Amino acid sequence: MIRHKFLILFFALTGFLPIFAQKTYRFPLTITYDMYLNFNKRQQMDARLSCSGEAACYTYQYTRDYSHTDEPNPETDTWTFSVSDTTQYVLWCDKALNECSELVPLAGRTVRLAEPVPVIRWTMEKDTREIEGFRCQKATCRFRGRNYTAWFTTDIPCNWGPWKLHGLPGAILEAYDDTNEVSFYATGVKRGETTVERADESAYRCLTMKEYHEQVEEKLGEMMKRLASRMGEGFKVNVSKAKTQSIELEYDE
């Protein structure tokens, strides 16, 4: 009787993002953050927000390679390995264009994700505290399936924040969701001109968030089928549906 081996894979459909300079932006404010994603285990990313009144550029990338391979589990007959995403992501938000845009890898190619600048409905709280020498006020919201707490300061007259969080009457210096899976902590504030070059995005296929996630699922299924066909007799690839591990658990249609 053939004993089946079950191989469970966790990995990102990522690849190299080519960058071709198209235009240089000059921003008067830069805030650096430690960004953390805590899905299977807590992983740190270096992040930077460069912004003006009308536009913002947010870059983020893992601080190190978190790839790992676990020892085979004889009880469940599984072997698990994880491959880190080493891509540097760049998110642009422009109020004049009413657009947030990001180049992302998808199965060996690059696509462009675009959507209107999201409207976030914040609830202002009375709590205050000091962060990086700035007096900050608390605000809360529900955004893309997560409940966030943010701390912003009116001492920095900028309504941008880390990632897509924005819309408060001051810069967001700290934010986290109530599950502790996503968090951002400011590590420095720099006033003074910073230049950022924006990649030429016109050559890339544009997808909505919904289309992108559907294609990720489709490509993952195709890769699993190819892997199963190459494993040989006695091995079986078993892929189970699980809750998506992403910053955004919901997205606009």
C-alpha atoms as a PDB file:
ATOM      1  CA  MET A   1       0.000   0.000   0.000  1.00  0.00           C
ATOM      2  CA  ILE A   2       1.433   3.347  -1.044  1.00  0.00           C
ATOM      3  CA  ARG A   3       1.829   5.845   1.778  1.00  0.00           C
ATOM      4  CA  HIS A   4       0.963   9.364   0.684  1.00  0.00           C
ATOM      5  CA  LYS A   5       3.157  12.262   1.693  1.00  0.00           C
ATOM      6  CA  PHE A   6       1.453  15.617   2.090  1.00  0.00           C
ATOM      7  CA  LEU A   7       3.516  18.675   1.228  1.00  0.00           C
ATOM      8  CA  ILE A   8       2.157  22.002   2.418  1.00  0.00           C
ATOM      9  CA  LEU A   9       3.685  25.084   0.839  1.00  0.00           C
ATOM     10  CA  PHE A  10       3.418  28.674   1.970  1.00  0.00           C
ATOM     11  CA  PHE A  11       4.958  31.189  -0.389  1.00  0.00           C
ATOM     12  CA  ALA A  12       4.341  34.464  -2.203  1.00  0.00           C
ATOM     13  CA  LEU A  13       3.927  34.788  -5.964  1.00  0.00           C
ATOM     14  CA  THR A  14       6.612  37.407  -6.204  1.00  0.00           C
ATOM     15  CA  GLY A  15       9.536  38.383  -8.358  1.00  0.00           C
ATOM     16  CA  PHE A  16      11.835  41.192  -9.398  1.00  0.00           C
ATOM     17  CA  LEU A  17      10.250  44.584  -9.984  1.00  0.00           C
ATOM     18  CA  PRO A  18      12.010  46.556 -12.728  1.00  0.00           C
ATOM     19  CA  ILE A  19      12.242  50.263 -11.977  1.00  0.00           C
ATOM     20  CA  PHE A  20      12.527  52.851 -14.760  1.00  0.00           C
ATOM     21  CA  ALA A  21      12.684  56.472 -13.628  1.00  0.00           C
ATOM     22  CA  GLN A  22      10.027  58.643 -15.188  1.00  0.00           C
ATOM     23  CA  LYS A  23       9.694  61.701 -13.000  1.00  0.00           C
ATOM     24  CA  THR A  24      11.349  63.216  -9.961  1.00  0.00           C
ATOM     25  CA  TYR A  25       9.152  64.379  -7.071  1.00  0.00           C
ATOM     26  CA  ARG A  26      10.285  66.725  -4.324  1.00  0.00           C
ATOM     27  CA  PHE A  27       8.685  66.194  -0.933  1.00  0.00           C
ATOM     28  CA  PRO A  28       9.129  68.519   2.085  1.00  0.00           C
ATOM     29  CA  LEU A  29       8.516  65.829   4.720  1.00  0.00           C
ATOM     30  CA  THR A  30       9.846  62.301   5.316  1.00  0.00           C
ATOM     31  CA  ILE A  31       8.829  59.941   8.128  1.00  0.00           C
ATOM     32  CA  THR A  32      10.506  56.580   8.660  1.00  0.00           C
ATOM     33  CA  TYR A  33       8.689  53.661  10.294  1.00  0.00           C
ATOM     34  CA  ASP A  34       9.247  50.208  11.652  1.00  0.00           C
ATOM     35  CA  MET A  35       6.430  48.221  10.072  1.00  0.00           C
ATOM     36  CA  TYR A  36       5.453  44.800  11.406  1.00  0.00           C
ATOM     37  CA  LEU A  37       3.352  42.002   9.931  1.00  0.00           C
ATOM     38  CA  ASN A  38       2.469  39.299  12.433  1.00  0.00           C
ATOM     39  CA  PHE A  39       0.731  36.535  10.464  1.00  0.00           C
ATOM     40  CA  ASN A  40       2.594  33.276  11.161  1.00  0.00           C
ATOM     41  CA  LYS A  41       5.289  35.059  13.139  1.00  0.00           C
ATOM     42  CA  ARG A  42       6.231  38.707  13.668  1.00  0.00           C
ATOM     43  CA  GLN A  43       8.318  40.054  10.806  1.00  0.00           C
ATOM     44  CA  GLN A  44       9.780  43.534  10.512  1.00  0.00           C
ATOM     45  CA  MET A  45       9.851  45.832   7.489  1.00  0.00           C
ATOM     46  CA  ASP A  46      11.661  49.116   6.916  1.00  0.00           C
ATOM     47  CA  ALA A  47       9.234  51.751   5.681  1.00  0.00           C
ATOM     48  CA  ARG A  48       9.421  55.377   4.614  1.00  0.00           C
ATOM     49  CA  LEU A  49       6.746  57.974   3.900  1.00  0.00           C
ATOM     50  CA  SER A  50       7.678  60.977   1.756  1.00  0.00           C
ATOM     51  CA  CYS A  51       4.856  63.443   1.268  1.00  0.00           C
ATOM     52  CA  SER A  52       3.530  66.872   0.402  1.00  0.00           C
ATOM     53  CA  GLY A  53       0.041  68.274   0.771  1.00  0.00           C
ATOM     54  CA  GLU A  54      -1.209  66.641  -2.422  1.00  0.00           C
ATOM     55  CA  ALA A  55       0.826  63.457  -2.856  1.00  0.00           C
ATOM     56  CA  ALA A  56       2.618  60.743  -0.923  1.00  0.00           C
ATOM     57  CA  CYS A  57       5.074  57.937  -1.634  1.00  0.00           C
ATOM     58  CA  TYR A  58       5.287  55.026   0.813  1.00  0.00           C
ATOM     59  CA  THR A  59       8.018  52.391   0.408  1.00  0.00           C
ATOM     60  CA  TYR A  60       8.353  49.208   2.452  1.00  0.00           C
ATOM     61  CA  GLN A  61      10.531  46.097   2.405  1.00  0.00           C
ATOM     62  CA  TYR A  62      11.400  43.254   4.785  1.00  0.00           C
ATOM     63  CA  THR A  63      14.500  43.965   6.868  1.00  0.00           C
ATOM     64  CA  ARG A  64      15.891  40.458   6.308  1.00  0.00           C
ATOM     65  CA  ASP A  65      15.176  37.131   4.632  1.00  0.00           C
ATOM     66  CA  TYR A  66      12.606  35.252   6.721  1.00  0.00           C
ATOM     67  CA  SER A  67      12.680  32.104   4.576  1.00  0.00           C
ATOM     68  CA  HIS A  68      12.791  28.907   6.593  1.00  0.00           C
ATOM     69  CA  THR A  69      12.212  25.169   6.359  1.00  0.00           C
ATOM     70  CA  ASP A  70      10.598  23.240   9.193  1.00  0.00           C
ATOM     71  CA  GLU A  71      11.560  19.708  10.186  1.00  0.00           C
ATOM     72  CA  PRO A  72       9.214  17.016   8.797  1.00  0.00           C
ATOM     73  CA  ASN A  73       6.295  16.327  11.117  1.00  0.00           C
ATOM     74  CA  PRO A  74       5.818  12.526  11.382  1.00  0.00           C
ATOM     75  CA  GLU A  75       2.507  12.890  13.208  1.00  0.00           C
ATOM     76  CA  THR A  76       0.795  14.870  10.452  1.00  0.00           C
ATOM     77  CA  ASP A  77       3.010  13.538   7.655  1.00  0.00           C
ATOM     78  CA  THR A  78       3.818  17.057   6.466  1.00  0.00           C
ATOM     79  CA  TRP A  79       6.818  19.135   5.527  1.00  0.00           C
ATOM     80  CA  THR A  80       6.505  22.907   5.491  1.00  0.00           C
ATOM     81  CA  PHE A  81       8.710  25.625   4.098  1.00  0.00           C
ATOM     82  CA  SER A  82       8.222  29.362   3.741  1.00  0.00           C
ATOM     83  CA  VAL A  83       9.775  31.691   1.166  1.00  0.00           C
ATOM     84  CA  SER A  84      10.127  35.383   2.011  1.00  0.00           C
ATOM     85  CA  ASP A  85       9.039  38.191  -0.252  1.00  0.00           C
ATOM     86  CA  THR A  86      12.143  40.347  -0.790  1.00  0.00           C
ATOM     87  CA  THR A  87      10.469  42.900  -3.064  1.00  0.00           C
ATOM     88  CA  GLN A  88      10.625  46.601  -2.246  1.00  0.00           C
ATOM     89  CA  TYR A  89       7.099  47.915  -2.660  1.00  0.00           C
ATOM     90  CA  VAL A  90       6.320  51.511  -3.600  1.00  0.00           C
ATOM     91  CA  LEU A  91       2.826  52.912  -3.068  1.00  0.00           C
ATOM     92  CA  TRP A  92       1.894  56.264  -4.615  1.00  0.00           C
ATOM     93  CA  CYS A  93      -1.161  58.278  -3.600  1.00  0.00           C
ATOM     94  CA  ASP A  94      -2.102  61.449  -5.480  1.00  0.00           C
ATOM     95  CA  LYS A  95      -5.087  63.589  -4.494  1.00  0.00           C
ATOM     96  CA  ALA A  96      -5.102  65.527  -7.767  1.00  0.00           C
ATOM     97  CA  LEU A  97      -5.450  62.287  -9.733  1.00  0.00           C
ATOM     98  CA  ASN A  98      -7.588  60.678  -6.993  1.00  0.00           C
ATOM     99  CA  GLU A  99      -5.489  57.546  -7.312  1.00  0.00           C
ATOM    100  CA  CYS A 100      -3.412  55.137  -5.262  1.00  0.00           C
ATOM    101  CA  SER A 101      -1.081  53.090  -7.440  1.00  0.00           C
ATOM    102  CA  GLU A 102       1.407  50.304  -6.779  1.00  0.00           C
ATOM    103  CA  LEU A 103       3.550  48.005  -8.921  1.00  0.00           C
ATOM    104  CA  VAL A 104       3.403  44.418  -7.665  1.00  0.00           C
ATOM    105  CA  PRO A 105       4.881  41.119  -8.884  1.00  0.00           C
ATOM    106  CA  LEU A 106       2.546  38.398 -10.110  1.00  0.00           C
ATOM    107  CA  ALA A 107       3.952  35.041 -11.221  1.00  0.00           C
ATOM    108  CA  GLY A 108       7.117  36.369 -12.803  1.00  0.00           C
ATOM    109  CA  ARG A 109       5.714  39.572 -14.260  1.00  0.00           C
ATOM    110  CA  THR A 110       4.809  42.992 -12.943  1.00  0.00           C
ATOM    111  CA  VAL A 111       1.303  44.435 -12.834  1.00  0.00           C
ATOM    112  CA  ARG A 112      -0.086  47.743 -11.656  1.00  0.00           C
ATOM    113  CA  LEU A 113      -2.742  47.980  -8.955  1.00  0.00           C
ATOM    114  CA  ALA A 114      -4.774  51.177  -9.033  1.00  0.00           C
ATOM    115  CA  GLU A 115      -7.753  52.466  -7.089  1.00  0.00           C
ATOM    116  CA  PRO A 116      -9.229  55.815  -6.011  1.00  0.00           C
ATOM    117  CA  VAL A 117      -7.686  57.342  -2.892  1.00  0.00           C
ATOM    118  CA  PRO A 118      -9.747  55.566  -0.202  1.00  0.00           C
ATOM    119  CA  VAL A 119     -12.030  57.501   2.119  1.00  0.00           C
ATOM    120  CA  ILE A 120     -11.431  56.524   5.760  1.00  0.00           C
ATOM    121  CA  ARG A 121     -14.020  57.431   8.386  1.00  0.00           C
ATOM    122  CA  TRP A 122     -12.120  58.209  11.564  1.00  0.00           C
ATOM    123  CA  THR A 123     -13.475  58.556  15.082  1.00  0.00           C
ATOM    124  CA  MET A 124     -11.557  61.118  17.122  1.00  0.00           C
ATOM    125  CA  GLU A 125     -10.733  60.148  20.715  1.00  0.00           C
ATOM    126  CA  LYS A 126      -9.681  62.314  23.679  1.00  0.00           C
ATOM    127  CA  ASP A 127      -6.604  60.267  24.611  1.00  0.00           C
ATOM    128  CA  THR A 128      -3.191  61.882  24.075  1.00  0.00           C
ATOM    129  CA  ARG A 129       0.432  60.760  24.429  1.00  0.00           C
ATOM    130  CA  GLU A 130       3.910  61.721  23.262  1.00  0.00           C
ATOM    131  CA  ILE A 131       5.634  59.939  20.357  1.00  0.00           C
ATOM    132  CA  GLU A 132       9.068  60.924  19.033  1.00  0.00           C
ATOM    133  CA  GLY A 133       8.770  64.211  20.940  1.00  0.00           C
ATOM    134  CA  PHE A 134       5.394  65.115  19.411  1.00  0.00           C
ATOM    135  CA  ARG A 135       2.095  65.413  21.266  1.00  0.00           C
ATOM    136  CA  CYS A 136      -0.265  62.941  19.610  1.00  0.00           C
ATOM    137  CA  GLN A 137      -4.006  62.335  19.728  1.00  0.00           C
ATOM    138  CA  LYS A 138      -5.785  59.012  19.328  1.00  0.00           C
ATOM    139  CA  ALA A 139      -8.176  58.153  16.486  1.00  0.00           C
ATOM    140  CA  THR A 140      -9.833  54.883  15.463  1.00  0.00           C
ATOM    141  CA  CYS A 141     -11.340  53.496  12.278  1.00  0.00           C
ATOM    142  CA  ARG A 142     -12.325  50.334  10.438  1.00  0.00           C
ATOM    143  CA  PHE A 143     -10.508  49.997   7.133  1.00  0.00           C
ATOM    144  CA  ARG A 144     -10.231  47.074   4.726  1.00  0.00           C
ATOM    145  CA  GLY A 145     -11.466  44.547   7.265  1.00  0.00           C
ATOM    146  CA  ARG A 146      -9.337  45.680  10.210  1.00  0.00           C
ATOM    147  CA  ASN A 147      -9.984  47.891  13.243  1.00  0.00           C
ATOM    148  CA  TYR A 148      -7.144  50.401  13.543  1.00  0.00           C
ATOM    149  CA  THR A 149      -5.957  52.689  16.309  1.00  0.00           C
ATOM    150  CA  ALA A 150      -3.829  55.604  15.116  1.00  0.00           C
ATOM    151  CA  TRP A 151      -1.889  58.312  16.903  1.00  0.00           C
ATOM    152  CA  PHE A 152      -1.468  61.558  14.947  1.00  0.00           C
ATOM    153  CA  THR A 153       0.084  64.940  15.646  1.00  0.00           C
ATOM    154  CA  THR A 154      -1.144  68.346  14.498  1.00  0.00           C
ATOM    155  CA  ASP A 155       2.415  69.604  15.062  1.00  0.00           C
ATOM    156  CA  ILE A 156       3.109  68.103  11.641  1.00  0.00           C
ATOM    157  CA  PRO A 157       0.414  69.591   9.350  1.00  0.00           C
ATOM    158  CA  CYS A 158       0.181  66.664   6.960  1.00  0.00           C
ATOM    159  CA  ASN A 159      -2.807  64.329   6.621  1.00  0.00           C
ATOM    160  CA  TRP A 160      -0.838  61.327   5.358  1.00  0.00           C
ATOM    161  CA  GLY A 161       0.341  58.307   7.299  1.00  0.00           C
ATOM    162  CA  PRO A 162       1.908  54.879   6.807  1.00  0.00           C
ATOM    163  CA  TRP A 163       0.640  52.715   3.950  1.00  0.00           C
ATOM    164  CA  LYS A 164      -2.914  53.773   2.947  1.00  0.00           C
ATOM    165  CA  LEU A 165      -3.828  55.214   6.330  1.00  0.00           C
ATOM    166  CA  HIS A 166      -4.525  58.932   5.935  1.00  0.00           C
ATOM    167  CA  GLY A 167      -7.150  61.634   6.378  1.00  0.00           C
ATOM    168  CA  LEU A 168      -6.412  62.914   9.891  1.00  0.00           C
ATOM    169  CA  PRO A 169      -5.558  66.573  10.698  1.00  0.00           C
ATOM    170  CA  GLY A 170      -1.912  65.698  11.260  1.00  0.00           C
ATOM    171  CA  ALA A 171       0.717  63.107  10.410  1.00  0.00           C
ATOM    172  CA  ILE A 172       0.153  59.575  11.743  1.00  0.00           C
ATOM    173  CA  LEU A 173       3.159  58.494  13.818  1.00  0.00           C
ATOM    174  CA  GLU A 174       1.812  55.186  15.113  1.00  0.00           C
ATOM    175  CA  ALA A 175      -0.943  52.797  14.033  1.00  0.00           C
ATOM    176  CA  TYR A 176      -1.920  49.201  14.719  1.00  0.00           C
ATOM    177  CA  ASP A 177      -4.905  46.905  14.304  1.00  0.00           C
ATOM    178  CA  ASP A 178      -6.740  45.195  17.160  1.00  0.00           C
ATOM    179  CA  THR A 179      -5.360  41.739  16.286  1.00  0.00           C
ATOM    180  CA  ASN A 180      -1.735  42.942  16.430  1.00  0.00           C
ATOM    181  CA  GLU A 181      -1.159  41.543  12.940  1.00  0.00           C
ATOM    182  CA  VAL A 182      -0.374  44.925  11.351  1.00  0.00           C
ATOM    183  CA  SER A 183       1.479  47.792  13.046  1.00  0.00           C
ATOM    184  CA  PHE A 184       3.500  50.898  12.206  1.00  0.00           C
ATOM    185  CA  TYR A 185       5.824  52.852  14.535  1.00  0.00           C
ATOM    186  CA  ALA A 186       7.546  56.094  13.516  1.00  0.00           C
ATOM    187  CA  THR A 187      11.303  56.073  14.084  1.00  0.00           C
ATOM    188  CA  GLY A 188      12.207  59.471  12.671  1.00  0.00           C
ATOM    189  CA  VAL A 189      10.807  62.691  11.225  1.00  0.00           C
ATOM    190  CA  LYS A 190      12.775  64.745   8.707  1.00  0.00           C
ATOM    191  CA  ARG A 191      11.724  68.174   7.489  1.00  0.00           C
ATOM    192  CA  GLY A 192      13.465  69.293   4.338  1.00  0.00           C
ATOM    193  CA  GLU A 193      13.315  68.441   0.675  1.00  0.00           C
ATOM    194  CA  THR A 194      13.596  64.784  -0.331  1.00  0.00           C
ATOM    195  CA  THR A 195      13.643  63.717  -3.973  1.00  0.00           C
ATOM    196  CA  VAL A 196      11.901  60.512  -5.050  1.00  0.00           C
ATOM    197  CA  GLU A 197      11.849  59.122  -8.568  1.00  0.00           C
ATOM    198  CA  ARG A 198       8.620  57.552  -9.752  1.00  0.00           C
ATOM    199  CA  ALA A 199       8.723  54.543 -12.042  1.00  0.00           C
ATOM    200  CA  ASP A 200       7.055  54.645 -15.430  1.00  0.00           C
ATOM    201  CA  GLU A 201       3.860  52.663 -14.847  1.00  0.00           C
ATOM    202  CA  SER A 202       2.246  53.120 -18.258  1.00  0.00           C
ATOM    203  CA  ALA A 203       3.658  49.897 -19.720  1.00  0.00           C
ATOM    204  CA  TYR A 204       2.163  47.647 -17.051  1.00  0.00           C
ATOM    205  CA  ARG A 205      -1.217  45.967 -17.132  1.00  0.00           C
ATOM    206  CA  CYS A 206      -3.566  47.649 -14.656  1.00  0.00           C
ATOM    207  CA  LEU A 207      -5.662  45.499 -12.296  1.00  0.00           C
ATOM    208  CA  THR A 208      -8.157  46.225  -9.560  1.00  0.00           C
ATOM    209  CA  MET A 209      -7.572  44.702  -6.119  1.00  0.00           C
ATOM    210  CA  LYS A 210     -10.341  42.165  -6.798  1.00  0.00           C
ATOM    211  CA  GLU A 211      -8.825  41.122 -10.131  1.00  0.00           C
ATOM    212  CA  TYR A 212      -5.365  40.832  -8.584  1.00  0.00           C
ATOM    213  CA  HIS A 213      -6.453  38.554  -5.729  1.00  0.00           C
ATOM    214  CA  GLU A 214      -8.436  36.367  -8.135  1.00  0.00           C
ATOM    215  CA  GLN A 215      -5.372  35.946 -10.347  1.00  0.00           C
ATOM    216  CA  VAL A 216      -3.136  35.168  -7.360  1.00  0.00           C
ATOM    217  CA  GLU A 217      -5.499  32.325  -6.402  1.00  0.00           C
ATOM    218  CA  GLU A 218      -5.574  31.084  -9.998  1.00  0.00           C
ATOM    219  CA  LYS A 219      -1.774  31.129 -10.383  1.00  0.00           C
ATOM    220  CA  LEU A 220      -1.299  29.410  -7.037  1.00  0.00           C
ATOM    221  CA  GLY A 221      -3.630  26.611  -8.129  1.00  0.00           C
ATOM    222  CA  GLU A 222      -1.739  26.181 -11.400  1.00  0.00           C
ATOM    223  CA  MET A 223       1.611  26.000  -9.609  1.00  0.00           C
ATOM    224  CA  MET A 224       0.313  23.382  -7.193  1.00  0.00           C
ATOM    225  CA  LYS A 225      -0.898  21.224 -10.072  1.00  0.00           C
ATOM    226  CA  ARG A 226       2.486  21.424 -11.800  1.00  0.00           C
ATOM    227  CA  LEU A 227       4.279  20.589  -8.567  1.00  0.00           C
ATOM    228  CA  ALA A 228       2.000  17.615  -7.919  1.00  0.00           C
ATOM    229  CA  SER A 229       2.717  16.215 -11.389  1.00  0.00           C
ATOM    230  CA  ARG A 230       6.485  16.297 -10.732  1.00  0.00           C
ATOM    231  CA  MET A 231       6.578  14.797  -7.249  1.00  0.00           C
ATOM    232  CA  GLY A 232       6.326  11.224  -8.410  1.00  0.00           C
ATOM    233  CA  GLU A 233       4.547   8.173  -7.052  1.00  0.00           C
ATOM    234  CA  GLY A 234       3.899   8.127  -3.317  1.00  0.00           C
ATOM    235  CA  PHE A 235       3.709  11.905  -2.949  1.00  0.00           C
ATOM    236  CA  LYS A 236       0.655  14.086  -2.960  1.00  0.00           C
ATOM    237  CA  VAL A 237       0.368  17.865  -2.799  1.00  0.00           C
ATOM    238  CA  ASN A 238      -2.489  18.944  -0.570  1.00  0.00           C
ATOM    239  CA  VAL A 239      -3.516  22.607  -0.654  1.00  0.00           C
ATOM    240  CA  SER A 240      -6.233  23.749   1.710  1.00  0.00           C
ATOM    241  CA  LYS A 241      -8.132  27.031   1.637  1.00  0.00           C
ATOM    242  CA  ALA A 242      -7.168  29.346   4.468  1.00  0.00           C
ATOM    243  CA  LYS A 243      -7.810  32.900   5.552  1.00  0.00           C
ATOM    244  CA  THR A 244      -5.807  35.243   3.354  1.00  0.00           C
ATOM    245  CA  GLN A 245      -2.787  36.573   5.175  1.00  0.00           C
ATOM    246  CA  SER A 246      -2.727  40.124   3.939  1.00  0.00           C
ATOM    247  CA  ILE A 247      -2.888  43.652   5.275  1.00  0.00           C
ATOM    248  CA  GLU A 248      -6.185  44.041   3.436  1.00  0.00           C
ATOM    249  CA  LEU A 249      -8.802  41.455   4.393  1.00  0.00           C
ATOM    250  CA  GLU A 250     -11.482  43.285   2.438  1.00  0.00           C
ATOM    251  CA  TYR A 251     -11.263  45.608  -0.531  1.00  0.00           C
ATOM    252  CA  ASP A 252     -13.553  47.803  -2.584  1.00  0.00           C
ATOM    253  CA  GLU A 253     -15.158  46.182  -5.606  1.00  0.00           C
END
